[in-house]
N, C-alpha and C. Protein backbone atom coordinates (compact mmCIF):
# COMPACT_ATOMS: atom_id res chain seq x y z
N MET A 1 -38.35 10.59 15.51
CA MET A 1 -37.14 10.79 14.73
C MET A 1 -37.38 10.22 13.33
N THR A 2 -37.06 11.03 12.34
CA THR A 2 -37.25 10.56 10.96
C THR A 2 -36.17 9.55 10.61
N ARG A 3 -36.43 8.83 9.54
CA ARG A 3 -35.47 7.82 9.07
C ARG A 3 -34.12 8.47 8.75
N MET A 4 -34.15 9.63 8.08
CA MET A 4 -32.91 10.32 7.72
C MET A 4 -32.15 10.76 8.97
N SER A 5 -32.85 11.26 9.97
CA SER A 5 -32.21 11.67 11.23
C SER A 5 -31.54 10.47 11.90
N LEU A 6 -32.23 9.33 11.85
CA LEU A 6 -31.69 8.12 12.45
C LEU A 6 -30.41 7.69 11.73
N VAL A 7 -30.39 7.76 10.41
CA VAL A 7 -29.22 7.39 9.62
C VAL A 7 -28.06 8.34 9.95
N ILE A 8 -28.32 9.62 10.00
CA ILE A 8 -27.29 10.60 10.30
C ILE A 8 -26.76 10.41 11.72
N SER A 9 -27.65 10.19 12.66
CA SER A 9 -27.23 9.99 14.05
C SER A 9 -26.36 8.75 14.19
N THR A 10 -26.74 7.68 13.50
CA THR A 10 -25.97 6.44 13.55
C THR A 10 -24.59 6.65 12.94
N ALA A 11 -24.53 7.35 11.82
CA ALA A 11 -23.24 7.61 11.16
C ALA A 11 -22.35 8.47 12.04
N LEU A 12 -22.91 9.48 12.67
CA LEU A 12 -22.12 10.34 13.56
C LEU A 12 -21.62 9.56 14.78
N ALA A 13 -22.45 8.71 15.33
CA ALA A 13 -22.04 7.89 16.48
C ALA A 13 -20.89 6.96 16.10
N ALA A 14 -20.97 6.38 14.91
CA ALA A 14 -19.90 5.50 14.45
C ALA A 14 -18.60 6.27 14.26
N LEU A 15 -18.70 7.48 13.71
CA LEU A 15 -17.52 8.32 13.52
C LEU A 15 -16.88 8.69 14.85
N VAL A 16 -17.69 9.08 15.81
CA VAL A 16 -17.18 9.44 17.14
C VAL A 16 -16.54 8.23 17.79
N ALA A 17 -17.16 7.07 17.69
CA ALA A 17 -16.61 5.85 18.29
C ALA A 17 -15.28 5.50 17.66
N GLN A 18 -15.17 5.65 16.33
CA GLN A 18 -13.92 5.34 15.64
C GLN A 18 -12.81 6.28 16.09
N SER A 19 -13.09 7.58 16.16
CA SER A 19 -12.05 8.53 16.55
C SER A 19 -11.67 8.36 18.01
N ALA A 20 -12.58 7.85 18.82
CA ALA A 20 -12.28 7.66 20.24
C ALA A 20 -11.28 6.53 20.46
N VAL A 21 -11.25 5.55 19.56
CA VAL A 21 -10.33 4.43 19.73
C VAL A 21 -9.04 4.60 18.93
N ALA A 22 -8.99 5.59 18.05
CA ALA A 22 -7.78 5.82 17.29
C ALA A 22 -6.65 6.21 18.24
N GLU A 23 -5.47 5.70 17.97
CA GLU A 23 -4.33 5.93 18.83
C GLU A 23 -3.26 6.71 18.09
N GLU A 24 -2.51 7.51 18.82
CA GLU A 24 -1.35 8.17 18.24
C GLU A 24 -0.09 7.50 18.79
N HIS A 25 0.75 7.02 17.89
CA HIS A 25 2.01 6.40 18.26
C HIS A 25 3.10 7.45 18.04
N VAL A 26 4.05 7.55 18.94
CA VAL A 26 5.14 8.52 18.81
C VAL A 26 6.45 7.77 18.60
N VAL A 27 7.16 8.16 17.56
CA VAL A 27 8.45 7.55 17.21
C VAL A 27 9.51 8.64 17.23
N LYS A 28 10.59 8.38 17.93
CA LYS A 28 11.70 9.33 18.00
C LYS A 28 12.70 9.06 16.89
N MET A 29 13.24 10.13 16.30
CA MET A 29 14.33 10.03 15.34
C MET A 29 15.60 10.34 16.12
N LEU A 30 16.48 9.33 16.26
CA LEU A 30 17.62 9.45 17.17
C LEU A 30 18.96 9.19 16.48
N ASN A 31 19.99 9.90 16.95
CA ASN A 31 21.36 9.60 16.53
C ASN A 31 21.84 8.31 17.20
N ARG A 32 21.38 8.09 18.44
CA ARG A 32 21.74 6.87 19.17
C ARG A 32 20.56 6.46 20.02
N GLY A 33 20.22 5.17 19.94
CA GLY A 33 19.12 4.62 20.72
C GLY A 33 19.50 3.24 21.23
N GLU A 34 18.50 2.53 21.74
CA GLU A 34 18.75 1.19 22.28
C GLU A 34 19.33 0.23 21.25
N ALA A 35 18.93 0.39 19.97
CA ALA A 35 19.38 -0.52 18.92
C ALA A 35 20.67 -0.06 18.24
N GLY A 36 21.25 1.06 18.69
CA GLY A 36 22.50 1.53 18.09
C GLY A 36 22.38 2.94 17.54
N ALA A 37 23.20 3.21 16.50
CA ALA A 37 23.26 4.54 15.91
C ALA A 37 22.23 4.69 14.80
N MET A 38 21.74 5.91 14.65
CA MET A 38 20.81 6.30 13.58
C MET A 38 19.61 5.36 13.53
N VAL A 39 18.68 5.59 14.46
CA VAL A 39 17.52 4.71 14.60
C VAL A 39 16.23 5.48 14.80
N PHE A 40 15.15 4.82 14.43
CA PHE A 40 13.81 5.23 14.84
C PHE A 40 13.51 4.42 16.09
N GLU A 41 12.92 5.05 17.08
CA GLU A 41 12.60 4.33 18.31
C GLU A 41 11.19 4.65 18.75
N PRO A 42 10.28 3.65 18.70
CA PRO A 42 10.50 2.27 18.29
C PRO A 42 10.57 2.16 16.76
N ALA A 43 11.17 1.08 16.29
CA ALA A 43 11.28 0.84 14.85
C ALA A 43 10.13 -0.01 14.33
N PHE A 44 9.41 -0.66 15.21
CA PHE A 44 8.24 -1.47 14.82
C PHE A 44 7.02 -0.91 15.53
N ILE A 45 6.03 -0.52 14.75
CA ILE A 45 4.82 0.07 15.30
C ILE A 45 3.64 -0.81 14.92
N ASP A 46 2.98 -1.38 15.91
CA ASP A 46 1.79 -2.21 15.70
C ASP A 46 0.60 -1.27 15.80
N ALA A 47 0.00 -0.94 14.67
CA ALA A 47 -1.06 0.06 14.61
C ALA A 47 -2.35 -0.53 14.08
N GLU A 48 -3.37 0.28 14.09
CA GLU A 48 -4.66 -0.07 13.51
C GLU A 48 -5.04 1.00 12.50
N VAL A 49 -5.87 0.65 11.53
CA VAL A 49 -6.38 1.64 10.60
C VAL A 49 -7.10 2.71 11.42
N GLY A 50 -6.80 3.95 11.14
CA GLY A 50 -7.37 5.07 11.89
C GLY A 50 -6.37 5.70 12.84
N ASP A 51 -5.31 4.96 13.18
CA ASP A 51 -4.26 5.49 14.05
C ASP A 51 -3.38 6.48 13.27
N THR A 52 -2.61 7.25 14.02
CA THR A 52 -1.59 8.10 13.43
C THR A 52 -0.25 7.74 14.06
N VAL A 53 0.81 7.95 13.28
CA VAL A 53 2.16 7.72 13.79
C VAL A 53 2.92 9.03 13.61
N ARG A 54 3.35 9.60 14.73
CA ARG A 54 4.06 10.88 14.74
C ARG A 54 5.56 10.63 14.90
N PHE A 55 6.34 11.05 13.89
CA PHE A 55 7.78 10.93 13.92
C PHE A 55 8.36 12.26 14.39
N VAL A 56 9.05 12.22 15.53
CA VAL A 56 9.55 13.43 16.19
C VAL A 56 11.07 13.52 16.02
N PRO A 57 11.57 14.64 15.47
CA PRO A 57 13.01 14.79 15.28
C PRO A 57 13.71 15.12 16.60
N THR A 58 13.82 14.10 17.45
CA THR A 58 14.45 14.28 18.76
C THR A 58 15.88 14.77 18.60
N ASP A 59 16.61 14.19 17.67
CA ASP A 59 17.95 14.65 17.31
C ASP A 59 17.88 15.25 15.91
N ARG A 60 18.74 16.23 15.64
CA ARG A 60 18.73 16.91 14.34
C ARG A 60 19.38 16.03 13.26
N GLY A 61 19.02 16.36 12.00
CA GLY A 61 19.66 15.69 10.87
C GLY A 61 18.89 14.51 10.31
N HIS A 62 17.59 14.42 10.65
CA HIS A 62 16.78 13.28 10.21
C HIS A 62 15.49 13.74 9.54
N ASN A 63 14.93 12.84 8.76
CA ASN A 63 13.58 13.01 8.24
C ASN A 63 12.90 11.65 8.30
N ALA A 64 11.62 11.62 7.98
CA ALA A 64 10.88 10.36 7.90
C ALA A 64 10.06 10.41 6.61
N GLU A 65 10.15 9.33 5.85
CA GLU A 65 9.38 9.25 4.60
C GLU A 65 9.08 7.80 4.28
N THR A 66 7.99 7.59 3.58
CA THR A 66 7.62 6.24 3.19
C THR A 66 8.54 5.77 2.06
N VAL A 67 8.66 4.45 1.95
CA VAL A 67 9.53 3.83 0.94
C VAL A 67 8.66 3.32 -0.20
N GLU A 68 9.02 3.69 -1.41
CA GLU A 68 8.27 3.25 -2.57
C GLU A 68 8.23 1.72 -2.62
N GLY A 69 7.03 1.16 -2.83
CA GLY A 69 6.86 -0.28 -2.87
C GLY A 69 6.55 -0.90 -1.51
N MET A 70 6.58 -0.05 -0.46
CA MET A 70 6.34 -0.55 0.89
C MET A 70 5.18 0.21 1.55
N VAL A 71 4.17 0.51 0.75
CA VAL A 71 2.98 1.19 1.25
C VAL A 71 1.77 0.47 0.66
N PRO A 72 0.75 0.19 1.47
CA PRO A 72 -0.43 -0.51 0.94
C PRO A 72 -1.12 0.29 -0.16
N ASP A 73 -1.78 -0.41 -1.07
CA ASP A 73 -2.58 0.25 -2.10
C ASP A 73 -3.58 1.18 -1.43
N GLY A 74 -3.70 2.38 -1.97
CA GLY A 74 -4.66 3.35 -1.45
C GLY A 74 -4.09 4.27 -0.39
N ALA A 75 -2.92 3.93 0.17
CA ALA A 75 -2.29 4.80 1.18
C ALA A 75 -1.41 5.83 0.47
N GLU A 76 -1.28 7.00 1.08
CA GLU A 76 -0.48 8.06 0.49
C GLU A 76 0.99 7.91 0.84
N MET A 77 1.84 8.28 -0.13
CA MET A 77 3.27 8.38 0.13
C MET A 77 3.49 9.66 0.93
N VAL A 78 4.45 9.64 1.84
CA VAL A 78 4.75 10.79 2.69
C VAL A 78 6.23 11.08 2.61
N VAL A 79 6.59 12.36 2.46
CA VAL A 79 7.99 12.77 2.47
C VAL A 79 8.10 13.94 3.44
N GLY A 80 8.76 13.70 4.56
CA GLY A 80 8.96 14.75 5.55
C GLY A 80 10.26 15.50 5.30
N GLY A 81 10.27 16.76 5.68
CA GLY A 81 11.47 17.57 5.55
C GLY A 81 12.46 17.28 6.66
N MET A 82 13.68 17.72 6.46
CA MET A 82 14.73 17.54 7.46
C MET A 82 14.34 18.28 8.74
N ASN A 83 14.54 17.60 9.87
CA ASN A 83 14.29 18.18 11.19
C ASN A 83 12.84 18.60 11.40
N GLU A 84 11.92 17.98 10.66
CA GLU A 84 10.51 18.30 10.79
C GLU A 84 9.74 17.11 11.34
N GLU A 85 8.75 17.41 12.17
CA GLU A 85 7.84 16.38 12.66
C GLU A 85 6.97 15.93 11.49
N VAL A 86 6.75 14.62 11.41
CA VAL A 86 5.96 14.05 10.32
C VAL A 86 4.87 13.18 10.94
N VAL A 87 3.64 13.33 10.45
CA VAL A 87 2.55 12.49 10.92
C VAL A 87 2.05 11.65 9.74
N ILE A 88 2.06 10.34 9.96
CA ILE A 88 1.54 9.42 8.94
C ILE A 88 0.20 8.90 9.44
N GLU A 89 -0.81 9.09 8.61
CA GLU A 89 -2.14 8.57 8.93
C GLU A 89 -2.24 7.16 8.37
N VAL A 90 -2.61 6.23 9.22
CA VAL A 90 -2.75 4.84 8.81
C VAL A 90 -4.16 4.69 8.24
N THR A 91 -4.25 4.69 6.91
CA THR A 91 -5.55 4.69 6.24
C THR A 91 -5.93 3.33 5.66
N GLU A 92 -4.93 2.45 5.51
CA GLU A 92 -5.17 1.15 4.88
C GLU A 92 -4.48 0.06 5.68
N GLU A 93 -5.03 -1.15 5.61
CA GLU A 93 -4.36 -2.30 6.22
C GLU A 93 -3.10 -2.63 5.42
N GLY A 94 -2.09 -3.10 6.13
CA GLY A 94 -0.86 -3.51 5.46
C GLY A 94 0.36 -3.03 6.21
N VAL A 95 1.51 -3.12 5.54
CA VAL A 95 2.75 -2.65 6.13
C VAL A 95 3.21 -1.40 5.40
N TYR A 96 3.78 -0.49 6.19
CA TYR A 96 4.29 0.78 5.70
C TYR A 96 5.78 0.80 6.04
N GLY A 97 6.64 0.87 5.03
CA GLY A 97 8.08 0.99 5.27
C GLY A 97 8.44 2.46 5.35
N ILE A 98 9.22 2.81 6.36
CA ILE A 98 9.63 4.20 6.60
C ILE A 98 11.15 4.25 6.61
N ARG A 99 11.71 5.34 6.09
CA ARG A 99 13.15 5.52 6.13
C ARG A 99 13.50 6.96 6.48
N CYS A 100 14.72 7.13 6.98
CA CYS A 100 15.34 8.44 7.08
C CYS A 100 16.26 8.50 5.86
N LYS A 101 15.97 9.37 4.94
CA LYS A 101 16.70 9.38 3.67
C LYS A 101 18.22 9.50 3.84
N PRO A 102 18.73 10.43 4.68
CA PRO A 102 20.19 10.54 4.79
C PRO A 102 20.85 9.33 5.46
N HIS A 103 20.12 8.58 6.24
CA HIS A 103 20.71 7.46 7.00
C HIS A 103 20.11 6.11 6.61
N TYR A 104 19.52 6.05 5.43
CA TYR A 104 18.87 4.84 4.94
C TYR A 104 19.85 3.67 4.89
N GLY A 105 21.01 3.86 4.28
CA GLY A 105 22.00 2.80 4.16
C GLY A 105 22.56 2.34 5.49
N MET A 106 22.44 3.20 6.51
CA MET A 106 22.91 2.84 7.86
C MET A 106 21.86 2.05 8.63
N GLY A 107 20.70 1.85 7.99
CA GLY A 107 19.66 1.04 8.61
C GLY A 107 18.63 1.82 9.40
N MET A 108 18.52 3.14 9.17
CA MET A 108 17.52 3.93 9.89
C MET A 108 16.18 3.78 9.18
N VAL A 109 15.48 2.70 9.55
CA VAL A 109 14.19 2.37 8.95
C VAL A 109 13.22 1.93 10.04
N ALA A 110 11.95 1.96 9.69
CA ALA A 110 10.90 1.51 10.60
C ALA A 110 9.80 0.86 9.78
N VAL A 111 8.97 0.08 10.47
CA VAL A 111 7.80 -0.55 9.83
C VAL A 111 6.59 -0.30 10.70
N ILE A 112 5.53 0.16 10.03
CA ILE A 112 4.22 0.27 10.66
C ILE A 112 3.40 -0.91 10.13
N ALA A 113 2.85 -1.70 11.03
CA ALA A 113 2.01 -2.85 10.65
C ALA A 113 0.59 -2.55 11.12
N ALA A 114 -0.35 -2.53 10.16
CA ALA A 114 -1.74 -2.22 10.48
C ALA A 114 -2.66 -3.32 9.97
N GLY A 115 -3.35 -3.98 10.89
CA GLY A 115 -4.28 -5.03 10.49
C GLY A 115 -3.60 -6.15 9.74
N GLU A 116 -4.26 -6.66 8.72
CA GLU A 116 -3.70 -7.73 7.91
C GLU A 116 -2.56 -7.20 7.05
N PRO A 117 -1.42 -7.86 7.02
CA PRO A 117 -0.27 -7.39 6.22
C PRO A 117 -0.45 -7.74 4.74
N VAL A 118 -1.45 -7.14 4.10
CA VAL A 118 -1.85 -7.50 2.75
C VAL A 118 -0.76 -7.28 1.70
N ASN A 119 0.19 -6.40 1.96
CA ASN A 119 1.26 -6.12 1.00
C ASN A 119 2.62 -6.61 1.48
N LEU A 120 2.63 -7.56 2.39
CA LEU A 120 3.88 -8.05 2.98
C LEU A 120 4.82 -8.63 1.93
N GLU A 121 4.29 -9.41 1.02
CA GLU A 121 5.14 -10.02 -0.01
C GLU A 121 5.81 -8.95 -0.88
N GLU A 122 5.03 -7.96 -1.32
CA GLU A 122 5.58 -6.89 -2.15
C GLU A 122 6.61 -6.09 -1.37
N ALA A 123 6.30 -5.77 -0.12
CA ALA A 123 7.22 -4.99 0.72
C ALA A 123 8.53 -5.75 0.93
N SER A 124 8.44 -7.06 1.09
CA SER A 124 9.64 -7.88 1.31
C SER A 124 10.55 -7.93 0.10
N GLU A 125 10.00 -7.66 -1.07
CA GLU A 125 10.79 -7.71 -2.30
C GLU A 125 11.52 -6.41 -2.61
N VAL A 126 11.23 -5.35 -1.87
CA VAL A 126 11.90 -4.07 -2.11
C VAL A 126 13.36 -4.18 -1.71
N ARG A 127 14.25 -3.75 -2.59
CA ARG A 127 15.69 -3.79 -2.31
C ARG A 127 16.06 -2.53 -1.53
N ALA A 128 16.74 -2.72 -0.41
CA ALA A 128 17.19 -1.61 0.41
C ALA A 128 18.71 -1.65 0.51
N PRO A 129 19.36 -0.50 0.64
CA PRO A 129 20.82 -0.47 0.69
C PRO A 129 21.38 -0.82 2.07
N GLY A 130 22.61 -1.34 2.08
CA GLY A 130 23.36 -1.55 3.32
C GLY A 130 22.58 -2.24 4.42
N ARG A 131 22.72 -1.70 5.63
CA ARG A 131 22.10 -2.28 6.82
C ARG A 131 20.57 -2.19 6.79
N ALA A 132 20.02 -1.32 5.97
CA ALA A 132 18.57 -1.20 5.88
C ALA A 132 17.93 -2.52 5.44
N ALA A 133 18.61 -3.26 4.58
CA ALA A 133 18.07 -4.53 4.08
C ALA A 133 17.84 -5.51 5.23
N SER A 134 18.84 -5.70 6.08
CA SER A 134 18.68 -6.66 7.18
C SER A 134 17.73 -6.14 8.25
N THR A 135 17.71 -4.83 8.46
CA THR A 135 16.78 -4.26 9.45
C THR A 135 15.35 -4.43 8.96
N PHE A 136 15.08 -4.13 7.70
CA PHE A 136 13.74 -4.35 7.16
C PHE A 136 13.35 -5.82 7.24
N GLU A 137 14.29 -6.70 6.92
CA GLU A 137 14.00 -8.14 6.98
C GLU A 137 13.54 -8.54 8.39
N GLU A 138 14.26 -8.06 9.40
CA GLU A 138 13.91 -8.38 10.79
C GLU A 138 12.55 -7.79 11.16
N LEU A 139 12.32 -6.54 10.79
CA LEU A 139 11.05 -5.88 11.14
C LEU A 139 9.88 -6.53 10.41
N LEU A 140 10.05 -6.87 9.14
CA LEU A 140 8.97 -7.51 8.39
C LEU A 140 8.71 -8.92 8.90
N SER A 141 9.72 -9.59 9.43
CA SER A 141 9.48 -10.93 10.00
C SER A 141 8.61 -10.80 11.26
N ARG A 142 8.76 -9.72 11.99
CA ARG A 142 7.89 -9.48 13.15
C ARG A 142 6.46 -9.25 12.69
N THR A 143 6.30 -8.60 11.55
CA THR A 143 4.97 -8.37 10.99
C THR A 143 4.32 -9.70 10.64
N ALA A 144 5.08 -10.59 10.03
CA ALA A 144 4.55 -11.89 9.64
C ALA A 144 4.10 -12.69 10.85
N LYS A 145 4.80 -12.56 11.98
CA LYS A 145 4.43 -13.28 13.21
C LYS A 145 3.13 -12.76 13.81
N THR A 146 2.82 -11.48 13.59
CA THR A 146 1.56 -10.92 14.13
C THR A 146 0.38 -11.29 13.24
N GLU A 147 0.68 -11.81 12.04
CA GLU A 147 -0.37 -12.12 11.06
C GLU A 147 -1.26 -13.28 11.53
N GLY A 148 -0.69 -14.32 12.07
CA GLY A 148 -1.43 -15.53 12.28
C GLY A 148 -2.13 -15.69 13.54
């Protein structure tokens, strides 16, 4: 086996191994769930870089989108359409804040925590309306507890 073949084989093996451990997390968009009205369930997703998070419009009238200022550097902002399934690829370590735009003030938010919460301080400083503020505070405090 030539040196180049060995390098290519090693790279392919690493890629296959990485995709084999990647996980897909499923989050329901609900009018009513265990935590009350207008919720993502689960609202806290403990993920790893390489995972995907699929937001499923179980009930109509919802979307899922990232919140400006609550996405790690290098990660893409995502805006899902109403009543559409949205898949967020976890490409960077940190916390990802998610909201349902029509129900944001009612506290319909979620947090994806991946690896080290490198942007936790910045994410904690984002101002959210109504019940979203206290829900984000609670979810981000759970992120901080997984840090240490």
